[in-house]
PDB file of N, CA and C in Angstrom:
ATOM      1  N   MET A   1       6.256 -58.486 -82.073  1.00  0.00           N
ATOM      2  CA  MET A   1       5.356 -58.426 -80.939  1.00  0.00           C
ATOM      3  C   MET A   1       5.850 -57.385 -79.955  1.00  0.00           C
ATOM      4  N   LYS A   2       4.961 -56.634 -79.407  1.00  0.00           N
ATOM      5  CA  LYS A   2       5.315 -55.542 -78.519  1.00  0.00           C
ATOM      6  C   LYS A   2       5.566 -56.063 -77.109  1.00  0.00           C
ATOM      7  N   ASN A   3       6.591 -55.512 -76.485  1.00  0.00           N
ATOM      8  CA  ASN A   3       6.941 -55.900 -75.123  1.00  0.00           C
ATOM      9  C   ASN A   3       5.981 -55.219 -74.145  1.00  0.00           C
ATOM     10  N   ASP A   4       5.449 -55.975 -73.188  1.00  0.00           N
ATOM     11  CA  ASP A   4       4.515 -55.425 -72.217  1.00  0.00           C
ATOM     12  C   ASP A   4       5.207 -54.710 -71.056  1.00  0.00           C
ATOM     13  N   GLN A   5       6.530 -54.752 -71.022  1.00  0.00           N
ATOM     14  CA  GLN A   5       7.289 -54.093 -69.961  1.00  0.00           C
ATOM     15  C   GLN A   5       7.294 -52.575 -70.209  1.00  0.00           C
ATOM     16  N   PRO A   6       7.120 -51.780 -69.149  1.00  0.00           N
ATOM     17  CA  PRO A   6       7.197 -50.321 -69.345  1.00  0.00           C
ATOM     18  C   PRO A   6       8.626 -49.918 -69.714  1.00  0.00           C
ATOM     19  N   GLU A   7       8.702 -48.937 -70.572  1.00  0.00           N
ATOM     20  CA  GLU A   7      10.019 -48.475 -71.015  1.00  0.00           C
ATOM     21  C   GLU A   7      10.651 -47.629 -69.916  1.00  0.00           C
ATOM     22  N   LEU A   8      11.862 -47.974 -69.554  1.00  0.00           N
ATOM     23  CA  LEU A   8      12.560 -47.223 -68.506  1.00  0.00           C
ATOM     24  C   LEU A   8      13.346 -46.095 -69.136  1.00  0.00           C
ATOM     25  N   LEU A   9      13.082 -44.911 -68.664  1.00  0.00           N
ATOM     26  CA  LEU A   9      13.808 -43.741 -69.151  1.00  0.00           C
ATOM     27  C   LEU A   9      14.935 -43.419 -68.186  1.00  0.00           C
ATOM     28  N   PRO A  10      16.034 -42.905 -68.709  1.00  0.00           N
ATOM     29  CA  PRO A  10      17.122 -42.538 -67.794  1.00  0.00           C
ATOM     30  C   PRO A  10      16.675 -41.390 -66.893  1.00  0.00           C
ATOM     31  N   ALA A  11      17.106 -41.458 -65.650  1.00  0.00           N
ATOM     32  CA  ALA A  11      16.723 -40.412 -64.692  1.00  0.00           C
ATOM     33  C   ALA A  11      17.386 -39.102 -65.080  1.00  0.00           C
ATOM     34  N   LYS A  12      16.640 -38.028 -64.989  1.00  0.00           N
ATOM     35  CA  LYS A  12      17.196 -36.713 -65.300  1.00  0.00           C
ATOM     36  C   LYS A  12      18.057 -36.243 -64.138  1.00  0.00           C
ATOM     37  N   ARG A  13      19.215 -35.715 -64.486  1.00  0.00           N
ATOM     38  CA  ARG A  13      20.084 -35.163 -63.456  1.00  0.00           C
ATOM     39  C   ARG A  13      19.649 -33.742 -63.166  1.00  0.00           C
ATOM     40  N   LYS A  14      19.657 -33.380 -61.924  1.00  0.00           N
ATOM     41  CA  LYS A  14      19.312 -32.029 -61.556  1.00  0.00           C
ATOM     42  C   LYS A  14      20.481 -31.113 -61.901  1.00  0.00           C
ATOM     43  N   ARG A  15      20.184 -30.020 -62.522  1.00  0.00           N
ATOM     44  CA  ARG A  15      21.218 -29.085 -62.933  1.00  0.00           C
ATOM     45  C   ARG A  15      21.762 -28.368 -61.710  1.00  0.00           C
ATOM     46  N   THR A  16      23.064 -28.387 -61.570  1.00  0.00           N
ATOM     47  CA  THR A  16      23.708 -27.734 -60.436  1.00  0.00           C
ATOM     48  C   THR A  16      23.888 -26.258 -60.727  1.00  0.00           C
ATOM     49  N   LYS A  17      23.515 -25.427 -59.776  1.00  0.00           N
ATOM     50  CA  LYS A  17      23.713 -23.984 -59.924  1.00  0.00           C
ATOM     51  C   LYS A  17      24.868 -23.580 -59.020  1.00  0.00           C
ATOM     52  N   TYR A  18      25.799 -22.861 -59.590  1.00  0.00           N
ATOM     53  CA  TYR A  18      26.969 -22.417 -58.849  1.00  0.00           C
ATOM     54  C   TYR A  18      26.858 -20.927 -58.577  1.00  0.00           C
ATOM     55  N   THR A  19      27.304 -20.513 -57.415  1.00  0.00           N
ATOM     56  CA  THR A  19      27.239 -19.102 -57.055  1.00  0.00           C
ATOM     57  C   THR A  19      28.318 -18.321 -57.802  1.00  0.00           C
ATOM     58  N   ARG A  20      28.140 -17.033 -57.836  1.00  0.00           N
ATOM     59  CA  ARG A  20      29.114 -16.154 -58.468  1.00  0.00           C
ATOM     60  C   ARG A  20      30.481 -16.306 -57.795  1.00  0.00           C
ATOM     61  N   GLU A  21      30.474 -16.345 -56.470  1.00  0.00           N
ATOM     62  CA  GLU A  21      31.724 -16.459 -55.723  1.00  0.00           C
ATOM     63  C   GLU A  21      32.437 -17.763 -56.040  1.00  0.00           C
ATOM     64  N   TYR A  22      31.681 -18.841 -56.153  1.00  0.00           N
ATOM     65  CA  TYR A  22      32.268 -20.141 -56.472  1.00  0.00           C
ATOM     66  C   TYR A  22      32.936 -20.087 -57.843  1.00  0.00           C
ATOM     67  N   LYS A  23      32.251 -19.507 -58.811  1.00  0.00           N
ATOM     68  CA  LYS A  23      32.801 -19.423 -60.160  1.00  0.00           C
ATOM     69  C   LYS A  23      34.070 -18.576 -60.183  1.00  0.00           C
ATOM     70  N   GLU A  24      34.052 -17.448 -59.462  1.00  0.00           N
ATOM     71  CA  GLU A  24      35.241 -16.592 -59.424  1.00  0.00           C
ATOM     72  C   GLU A  24      36.421 -17.305 -58.780  1.00  0.00           C
ATOM     73  N   GLU A  25      36.167 -18.037 -57.708  1.00  0.00           N
ATOM     74  CA  GLU A  25      37.237 -18.798 -57.052  1.00  0.00           C
ATOM     75  C   GLU A  25      37.747 -19.912 -57.962  1.00  0.00           C
ATOM     76  N   ALA A  26      36.845 -20.557 -58.680  1.00  0.00           N
ATOM     77  CA  ALA A  26      37.252 -21.610 -59.608  1.00  0.00           C
ATOM     78  C   ALA A  26      38.129 -21.044 -60.718  1.00  0.00           C
ATOM     79  N   VAL A  27      37.786 -19.860 -61.215  1.00  0.00           N
ATOM     80  CA  VAL A  27      38.587 -19.219 -62.256  1.00  0.00           C
ATOM     81  C   VAL A  27      39.965 -18.857 -61.705  1.00  0.00           C
ATOM     82  N   ARG A  28      40.013 -18.346 -60.464  1.00  0.00           N
ATOM     83  CA  ARG A  28      41.317 -18.033 -59.861  1.00  0.00           C
ATOM     84  C   ARG A  28      42.182 -19.283 -59.761  1.00  0.00           C
ATOM     85  N   LEU A  29      41.570 -20.376 -59.339  1.00  0.00           N
ATOM     86  CA  LEU A  29      42.303 -21.634 -59.226  1.00  0.00           C
ATOM     87  C   LEU A  29      42.780 -22.100 -60.598  1.00  0.00           C
ATOM     88  N   ALA A  30      41.937 -21.953 -61.606  1.00  0.00           N
ATOM     89  CA  ALA A  30      42.300 -22.364 -62.962  1.00  0.00           C
ATOM     90  C   ALA A  30      43.477 -21.554 -63.489  1.00  0.00           C
ATOM     91  N   LYS A  31      43.600 -20.309 -63.052  1.00  0.00           N
ATOM     92  CA  LYS A  31      44.724 -19.480 -63.488  1.00  0.00           C
ATOM     93  C   LYS A  31      46.008 -19.871 -62.760  1.00  0.00           C
ATOM     94  N   GLN A  32      45.889 -20.390 -61.550  1.00  0.00           N
ATOM     95  CA  GLN A  32      47.060 -20.824 -60.798  1.00  0.00           C
ATOM     96  C   GLN A  32      47.575 -22.161 -61.314  1.00  0.00           C
ATOM     97  N   VAL A  33      46.681 -23.087 -61.526  1.00  0.00           N
ATOM     98  CA  VAL A  33      47.016 -24.389 -62.113  1.00  0.00           C
ATOM     99  C   VAL A  33      46.275 -24.453 -63.443  1.00  0.00           C
ATOM    100  N   SER A  34      46.329 -25.533 -64.141  1.00  0.00           N
ATOM    101  CA  SER A  34      45.615 -25.621 -65.418  1.00  0.00           C
ATOM    102  C   SER A  34      44.108 -25.738 -65.172  1.00  0.00           C
ATOM    103  N   ALA A  35      43.343 -25.374 -66.195  1.00  0.00           N
ATOM    104  CA  ALA A  35      41.878 -25.481 -66.098  1.00  0.00           C
ATOM    105  C   ALA A  35      41.480 -26.941 -65.914  1.00  0.00           C
ATOM    106  N   ARG A  36      42.187 -27.821 -66.574  1.00  0.00           N
ATOM    107  CA  ARG A  36      41.881 -29.247 -66.455  1.00  0.00           C
ATOM    108  C   ARG A  36      42.091 -29.736 -65.026  1.00  0.00           C
ATOM    109  N   GLN A  37      43.227 -29.344 -64.436  1.00  0.00           N
ATOM    110  CA  GLN A  37      43.524 -29.782 -63.075  1.00  0.00           C
ATOM    111  C   GLN A  37      42.541 -29.162 -62.074  1.00  0.00           C
ATOM    112  N   ALA A  38      42.216 -27.891 -62.265  1.00  0.00           N
ATOM    113  CA  ALA A  38      41.265 -27.229 -61.377  1.00  0.00           C
ATOM    114  C   ALA A  38      39.901 -27.898 -61.470  1.00  0.00           C
ATOM    115  N   ALA A  39      39.491 -28.252 -62.686  1.00  0.00           N
ATOM    116  CA  ALA A  39      38.205 -28.929 -62.871  1.00  0.00           C
ATOM    117  C   ALA A  39      38.199 -30.285 -62.170  1.00  0.00           C
ATOM    118  N   LEU A  40      39.296 -31.006 -62.267  1.00  0.00           N
ATOM    119  CA  LEU A  40      39.389 -32.294 -61.568  1.00  0.00           C
ATOM    120  C   LEU A  40      39.329 -32.095 -60.064  1.00  0.00           C
ATOM    121  N   ASP A  41      40.043 -31.098 -59.560  1.00  0.00           N
ATOM    122  CA  ASP A  41      40.059 -30.825 -58.116  1.00  0.00           C
ATOM    123  C   ASP A  41      38.669 -30.434 -57.600  1.00  0.00           C
ATOM    124  N   LEU A  42      37.936 -29.678 -58.399  1.00  0.00           N
ATOM    125  CA  LEU A  42      36.620 -29.190 -57.988  1.00  0.00           C
ATOM    126  C   LEU A  42      35.484 -30.140 -58.382  1.00  0.00           C
ATOM    127  N   ASN A  43      35.828 -31.185 -59.124  1.00  0.00           N
ATOM    128  CA  ASN A  43      34.846 -32.162 -59.587  1.00  0.00           C
ATOM    129  C   ASN A  43      33.770 -31.508 -60.466  1.00  0.00           C
ATOM    130  N   ILE A  44      34.234 -30.676 -61.407  1.00  0.00           N
ATOM    131  CA  ILE A  44      33.338 -30.035 -62.372  1.00  0.00           C
ATOM    132  C   ILE A  44      33.872 -30.301 -63.772  1.00  0.00           C
ATOM    133  N   ASN A  45      33.081 -30.017 -64.771  1.00  0.00           N
ATOM    134  CA  ASN A  45      33.463 -30.224 -66.154  1.00  0.00           C
ATOM    135  C   ASN A  45      34.503 -29.184 -66.576  1.00  0.00           C
ATOM    136  N   ALA A  46      35.575 -29.634 -67.224  1.00  0.00           N
ATOM    137  CA  ALA A  46      36.651 -28.733 -67.638  1.00  0.00           C
ATOM    138  C   ALA A  46      36.168 -27.720 -68.676  1.00  0.00           C
ATOM    139  N   THR A  47      35.282 -28.134 -69.565  1.00  0.00           N
ATOM    140  CA  THR A  47      34.755 -27.213 -70.576  1.00  0.00           C
ATOM    141  C   THR A  47      33.958 -26.100 -69.919  1.00  0.00           C
ATOM    142  N   MET A  48      33.187 -26.454 -68.912  1.00  0.00           N
ATOM    143  CA  MET A  48      32.412 -25.445 -68.194  1.00  0.00           C
ATOM    144  C   MET A  48      33.354 -24.437 -67.519  1.00  0.00           C
ATOM    145  N   LEU A  49      34.424 -24.934 -66.917  1.00  0.00           N
ATOM    146  CA  LEU A  49      35.381 -24.048 -66.254  1.00  0.00           C
ATOM    147  C   LEU A  49      36.060 -23.129 -67.262  1.00  0.00           C
ATOM    148  N   ARG A  50      36.403 -23.673 -68.428  1.00  0.00           N
ATOM    149  CA  ARG A  50      37.013 -22.826 -69.469  1.00  0.00           C
ATOM    150  C   ARG A  50      36.030 -21.736 -69.924  1.00  0.00           C
ATOM    151  N   ASP A  51      34.750 -22.087 -69.998  1.00  0.00           N
ATOM    152  CA  ASP A  51      33.726 -21.089 -70.341  1.00  0.00           C
ATOM    153  C   ASP A  51      33.675 -19.994 -69.279  1.00  0.00           C
ATOM    154  N   TRP A  52      33.777 -20.372 -68.015  1.00  0.00           N
ATOM    155  CA  TRP A  52      33.783 -19.388 -66.929  1.00  0.00           C
ATOM    156  C   TRP A  52      34.982 -18.462 -67.053  1.00  0.00           C
ATOM    157  N   VAL A  53      36.147 -19.036 -67.376  1.00  0.00           N
ATOM    158  CA  VAL A  53      37.364 -18.224 -67.543  1.00  0.00           C
ATOM    159  C   VAL A  53      37.156 -17.228 -68.674  1.00  0.00           C
ATOM    160  N   ARG A  54      36.609 -17.708 -69.787  1.00  0.00           N
ATOM    161  CA  ARG A  54      36.362 -16.852 -70.948  1.00  0.00           C
ATOM    162  C   ARG A  54      35.342 -15.759 -70.621  1.00  0.00           C
ATOM    163  N   THR A  55      34.275 -16.115 -69.939  1.00  0.00           N
ATOM    164  CA  THR A  55      33.220 -15.161 -69.580  1.00  0.00           C
ATOM    165  C   THR A  55      33.754 -14.084 -68.651  1.00  0.00           C
ATOM    166  N   LEU A  56      34.515 -14.491 -67.634  1.00  0.00           N
ATOM    167  CA  LEU A  56      35.066 -13.515 -66.700  1.00  0.00           C
ATOM    168  C   LEU A  56      36.043 -12.578 -67.408  1.00  0.00           C
ATOM    169  N   GLY A  57      36.809 -13.119 -68.337  1.00  0.00           N
ATOM    170  CA  GLY A  57      37.735 -12.286 -69.093  1.00  0.00           C
ATOM    171  C   GLY A  57      37.025 -11.288 -69.994  1.00  0.00           C
ATOM    172  N   ALA A  58      35.922 -11.702 -70.581  1.00  0.00           N
ATOM    173  CA  ALA A  58      35.200 -10.839 -71.524  1.00  0.00           C
ATOM    174  C   ALA A  58      34.316  -9.814 -70.826  1.00  0.00           C
ATOM    175  N   GLU A  59      33.642 -10.219 -69.754  1.00  0.00           N
ATOM    176  CA  GLU A  59      32.654  -9.340 -69.127  1.00  0.00           C
ATOM    177  C   GLU A  59      33.148  -8.665 -67.856  1.00  0.00           C
ATOM    178  N   GLY A  60      34.227  -9.132 -67.306  1.00  0.00           N
ATOM    179  CA  GLY A  60      34.789  -8.515 -66.103  1.00  0.00           C
ATOM    180  C   GLY A  60      33.821  -8.535 -64.937  1.00  0.00           C
ATOM    181  N   PRO A  61      33.606  -7.386 -64.308  1.00  0.00           N
ATOM    182  CA  PRO A  61      32.754  -7.347 -63.109  1.00  0.00           C
ATOM    183  C   PRO A  61      31.281  -7.680 -63.383  1.00  0.00           C
ATOM    184  N   ASP A  62      30.853  -7.609 -64.638  1.00  0.00           N
ATOM    185  CA  ASP A  62      29.471  -7.941 -64.977  1.00  0.00           C
ATOM    186  C   ASP A  62      29.267  -9.433 -65.221  1.00  0.00           C
ATOM    187  N   ALA A  63      30.334 -10.216 -65.139  1.00  0.00           N
ATOM    188  CA  ALA A  63      30.222 -11.657 -65.381  1.00  0.00           C
ATOM    189  C   ALA A  63      29.437 -12.322 -64.258  1.00  0.00           C
ATOM    190  N   PHE A  64      28.774 -13.403 -64.583  1.00  0.00           N
ATOM    191  CA  PHE A  64      28.042 -14.221 -63.618  1.00  0.00           C
ATOM    192  C   PHE A  64      26.979 -13.413 -62.879  1.00  0.00           C
ATOM    193  N   ARG A  65      26.165 -12.677 -63.629  1.00  0.00           N
ATOM    194  CA  ARG A  65      25.122 -11.836 -63.043  1.00  0.00           C
ATOM    195  C   ARG A  65      23.967 -12.647 -62.489  1.00  0.00           C
ATOM    196  N   GLY A  66      23.792 -13.824 -62.995  1.00  0.00           N
ATOM    197  CA  GLY A  66      22.618 -14.604 -62.618  1.00  0.00           C
ATOM    198  C   GLY A  66      21.552 -14.440 -63.683  1.00  0.00           C
ATOM    199  N   GLN A  67      20.566 -15.267 -63.627  1.00  0.00           N
ATOM    200  CA  GLN A  67      19.533 -15.253 -64.655  1.00  0.00           C
ATOM    201  C   GLN A  67      18.621 -14.044 -64.491  1.00  0.00           C
ATOM    202  N   GLY A  68      18.448 -13.313 -65.581  1.00  0.00           N
ATOM    203  CA  GLY A  68      17.538 -12.182 -65.569  1.00  0.00           C
ATOM    204  C   GLY A  68      18.158 -10.876 -65.108  1.00  0.00           C
ATOM    205  N   ASN A  69      19.343 -10.908 -64.561  1.00  0.00           N
ATOM    206  CA  ASN A  69      20.000  -9.679 -64.127  1.00  0.00           C
ATOM    207  C   ASN A  69      20.742  -9.066 -65.296  1.00  0.00           C
ATOM    208  N   ARG A  70      20.693  -7.771 -65.383  1.00  0.00           N
ATOM    209  CA  ARG A  70      21.278  -7.076 -66.520  1.00  0.00           C
ATOM    210  C   ARG A  70      22.630  -6.475 -66.176  1.00  0.00           C
ATOM    211  N   THR A  71      23.392  -6.225 -67.222  1.00  0.00           N
ATOM    212  CA  THR A  71      24.637  -5.499 -67.030  1.00  0.00           C
ATOM    213  C   THR A  71      24.282  -4.041 -66.768  1.00  0.00           C
ATOM    214  N   ALA A  72      25.242  -3.286 -66.315  1.00  0.00           N
ATOM    215  CA  ALA A  72      25.004  -1.865 -66.053  1.00  0.00           C
ATOM    216  C   ALA A  72      24.583  -1.153 -67.342  1.00  0.00           C
ATOM    217  N   LEU A  73      25.197  -1.521 -68.456  1.00  0.00           N
ATOM    218  CA  LEU A  73      24.862  -0.901 -69.735  1.00  0.00           C
ATOM    219  C   LEU A  73      23.433  -1.230 -70.157  1.00  0.00           C
ATOM    220  N   GLU A  74      23.031  -2.483 -69.991  1.00  0.00           N
ATOM    221  CA  GLU A  74      21.664  -2.869 -70.338  1.00  0.00           C
ATOM    222  C   GLU A  74      20.641  -2.160 -69.452  1.00  0.00           C
ATOM    223  N   ALA A  75      20.947  -2.023 -68.176  1.00  0.00           N
ATOM    224  CA  ALA A  75      20.039  -1.329 -67.260  1.00  0.00           C
ATOM    225  C   ALA A  75      19.913   0.147 -67.646  1.00  0.00           C
ATOM    226  N   GLU A  76      21.025   0.759 -68.013  1.00  0.00           N
ATOM    227  CA  GLU A  76      21.005   2.165 -68.433  1.00  0.00           C
ATOM    228  C   GLU A  76      20.194   2.335 -69.717  1.00  0.00           C
ATOM    229  N   MET A  77      20.351   1.414 -70.658  1.00  0.00           N
ATOM    230  CA  MET A  77      19.579   1.482 -71.906  1.00  0.00           C
ATOM    231  C   MET A  77      18.077   1.367 -71.622  1.00  0.00           C
ATOM    232  N   THR A  78      17.690   0.472 -70.729  1.00  0.00           N
ATOM    233  CA  THR A  78      16.280   0.307 -70.373  1.00  0.00           C
ATOM    234  C   THR A  78      15.742   1.581 -69.734  1.00  0.00           C
ATOM    235  N   ARG A  79      16.516   2.168 -68.820  1.00  0.00           N
ATOM    236  CA  ARG A  79      16.103   3.404 -68.167  1.00  0.00           C
ATOM    237  C   ARG A  79      15.932   4.525 -69.188  1.00  0.00           C
ATOM    238  N   MET A  80      16.869   4.624 -70.118  1.00  0.00           N
ATOM    239  CA  MET A  80      16.798   5.687 -71.127  1.00  0.00           C
ATOM    240  C   MET A  80      15.616   5.489 -72.071  1.00  0.00           C
ATOM    241  N   ARG A  81      15.315   4.253 -72.418  1.00  0.00           N
ATOM    242  CA  ARG A  81      14.152   3.991 -73.281  1.00  0.00           C
ATOM    243  C   ARG A  81      12.859   4.413 -72.597  1.00  0.00           C
ATOM    244  N   ARG A  82      12.747   4.118 -71.297  1.00  0.00           N
ATOM    245  CA  ARG A  82      11.560   4.547 -70.553  1.00  0.00           C
ATOM    246  C   ARG A  82      11.467   6.069 -70.524  1.00  0.00           C
ATOM    247  N   GLU A  83      12.603   6.714 -70.292  1.00  0.00           N
ATOM    248  CA  GLU A  83      12.625   8.178 -70.238  1.00  0.00           C
ATOM    249  C   GLU A  83      12.219   8.779 -71.583  1.00  0.00           C
ATOM    250  N   ILE A  84      12.679   8.195 -72.678  1.00  0.00           N
ATOM    251  CA  ILE A  84      12.313   8.674 -74.017  1.00  0.00           C
ATOM    252  C   ILE A  84      10.806   8.542 -74.232  1.00  0.00           C
ATOM    253  N   THR A  85      10.236   7.445 -73.778  1.00  0.00           N
ATOM    254  CA  THR A  85       8.792   7.244 -73.910  1.00  0.00           C
ATOM    255  C   THR A  85       8.025   8.338 -73.168  1.00  0.00           C
ATOM    256  N   VAL A  86       8.453   8.644 -71.949  1.00  0.00           N
ATOM    257  CA  VAL A  86       7.794   9.686 -71.154  1.00  0.00           C
ATOM    258  C   VAL A  86       7.949  11.040 -71.839  1.00  0.00           C
ATOM    259  N   LEU A  87       9.141  11.345 -72.323  1.00  0.00           N
ATOM    260  CA  LEU A  87       9.377  12.626 -72.989  1.00  0.00           C
ATOM    261  C   LEU A  87       8.529  12.776 -74.244  1.00  0.00           C
ATOM    262  N   ARG A  88       8.365  11.701 -74.996  1.00  0.00           N
ATOM    263  CA  ARG A  88       7.513  11.757 -76.190  1.00  0.00           C
ATOM    264  C   ARG A  88       6.059  12.024 -75.807  1.00  0.00           C
ATOM    265  N   GLN A  89       5.591  11.396 -74.740  1.00  0.00           N
ATOM    266  CA  GLN A  89       4.220  11.629 -74.285  1.00  0.00           C
ATOM    267  C   GLN A  89       4.044  13.079 -73.851  1.00  0.00           C
ATOM    268  N   GLU A  90       5.029  13.625 -73.119  1.00  0.00           N
ATOM    269  CA  GLU A  90       4.950  15.025 -72.682  1.00  0.00           C
ATOM    270  C   GLU A  90       4.963  15.963 -73.885  1.00  0.00           C
ATOM    271  N   ARG A  91       5.795  15.659 -74.881  1.00  0.00           N
ATOM    272  CA  ARG A  91       5.849  16.479 -76.095  1.00  0.00           C
ATOM    273  C   ARG A  91       4.499  16.480 -76.795  1.00  0.00           C
ATOM    274  N   ASP A  92       3.877  15.308 -76.919  1.00  0.00           N
ATOM    275  CA  ASP A  92       2.578  15.217 -77.592  1.00  0.00           C
ATOM    276  C   ASP A  92       1.510  16.011 -76.846  1.00  0.00           C
ATOM    277  N   ILE A  93       1.551  15.958 -75.512  1.00  0.00           N
ATOM    278  CA  ILE A  93       0.589  16.728 -74.710  1.00  0.00           C
ATOM    279  C   ILE A  93       0.796  18.224 -74.940  1.00  0.00           C
ATOM    280  N   LEU A  94       2.051  18.659 -74.959  1.00  0.00           N
ATOM    281  CA  LEU A  94       2.334  20.080 -75.177  1.00  0.00           C
ATOM    282  C   LEU A  94       1.921  20.528 -76.580  1.00  0.00           C
ATOM    283  N   LYS A  95       2.097  19.667 -77.568  1.00  0.00           N
ATOM    284  CA  LYS A  95       1.664  19.998 -78.925  1.00  0.00           C
ATOM    285  C   LYS A  95       0.154  20.216 -78.965  1.00  0.00           C
ATOM    286  N   LYS A  96      -0.595  19.317 -78.326  1.00  0.00           N
ATOM    287  CA  LYS A  96      -2.051  19.423 -78.300  1.00  0.00           C
ATOM    288  C   LYS A  96      -2.496  20.670 -77.546  1.00  0.00           C
ATOM    289  N   ALA A  97      -1.786  20.983 -76.456  1.00  0.00           N
ATOM    290  CA  ALA A  97      -2.121  22.181 -75.687  1.00  0.00           C
ATOM    291  C   ALA A  97      -1.852  23.433 -76.517  1.00  0.00           C
ATOM    292  N   ALA A  98      -0.735  23.442 -77.242  1.00  0.00           N
ATOM    293  CA  ALA A  98      -0.421  24.598 -78.086  1.00  0.00           C
ATOM    294  C   ALA A  98      -1.472  24.773 -79.184  1.00  0.00           C
ATOM    295  N   GLU A  99      -1.888  23.681 -79.795  1.00  0.00           N
ATOM    296  CA  GLU A  99      -2.916  23.742 -80.826  1.00  0.00           C
ATOM    297  C   GLU A  99      -4.228  24.280 -80.243  1.00  0.00           C
ATOM    298  N   PHE A 100      -4.561  23.830 -79.043  1.00  0.00           N
ATOM    299  CA  PHE A 100      -5.784  24.282 -78.378  1.00  0.00           C
ATOM    300  C   PHE A 100      -5.748  25.800 -78.155  1.00  0.00           C
ATOM    301  N   TRP A 101      -4.623  26.294 -77.643  1.00  0.00           N
ATOM    302  CA  TRP A 101      -4.525  27.722 -77.328  1.00  0.00           C
ATOM    303  C   TRP A 101      -4.499  28.574 -78.586  1.00  0.00           C
ATOM    304  N   VAL A 102      -3.903  28.032 -79.657  1.00  0.00           N
ATOM    305  CA  VAL A 102      -3.919  28.794 -80.918  1.00  0.00           C
ATOM    306  C   VAL A 102      -5.370  28.909 -81.421  1.00  0.00           C
ATOM    307  N   LYS A 103      -6.145  27.877 -81.322  1.00  0.00           N
ATOM    308  CA  LYS A 103      -7.542  27.914 -81.746  1.00  0.00           C
ATOM    309  C   LYS A 103      -8.357  28.848 -80.860  1.00  0.00           C
ATOM    310  N   GLU A 104      -8.099  28.840 -79.563  1.00  0.00           N
ATOM    311  CA  GLU A 104      -8.829  29.675 -78.617  1.00  0.00           C
ATOM    312  C   GLU A 104      -8.532  31.156 -78.823  1.00  0.00           C
ATOM    313  N   CYS A 105      -7.272  31.446 -79.123  1.00  0.00           N
ATOM    314  CA  CYS A 105      -6.862  32.854 -79.278  1.00  0.00           C
ATOM    315  C   CYS A 105      -7.260  33.409 -80.646  1.00  0.00           C
ATOM    316  N   SER A 106      -7.527  32.560 -81.618  1.00  0.00           N
ATOM    317  CA  SER A 106      -7.868  33.040 -82.967  1.00  0.00           C
ATOM    318  C   SER A 106      -9.313  33.371 -83.104  1.00  0.00           C
TER     319      SER A 106
END
């Protein structure tokens, strides 16, 4: 027999967002003491702090960019792709113009 009571779902926890400065300070603290102790002191997950340490070590100044922000290399690649697109369009226009003038002069 089915229970007429509504099913209670566990409340969703709101995801905490940490600033870049907070993460950098947490990593500095983790390097001074252990990551586990720093995580306990800051009341954050030790695995998350270890990930921050790893990320800062791997990406350096580009670490903790925030969502949607690109590294300098990614931004340069995007800029260059746009420039290539424009150059190809200009080349195609010049090709058509050259063909036109060859037909006109012949």
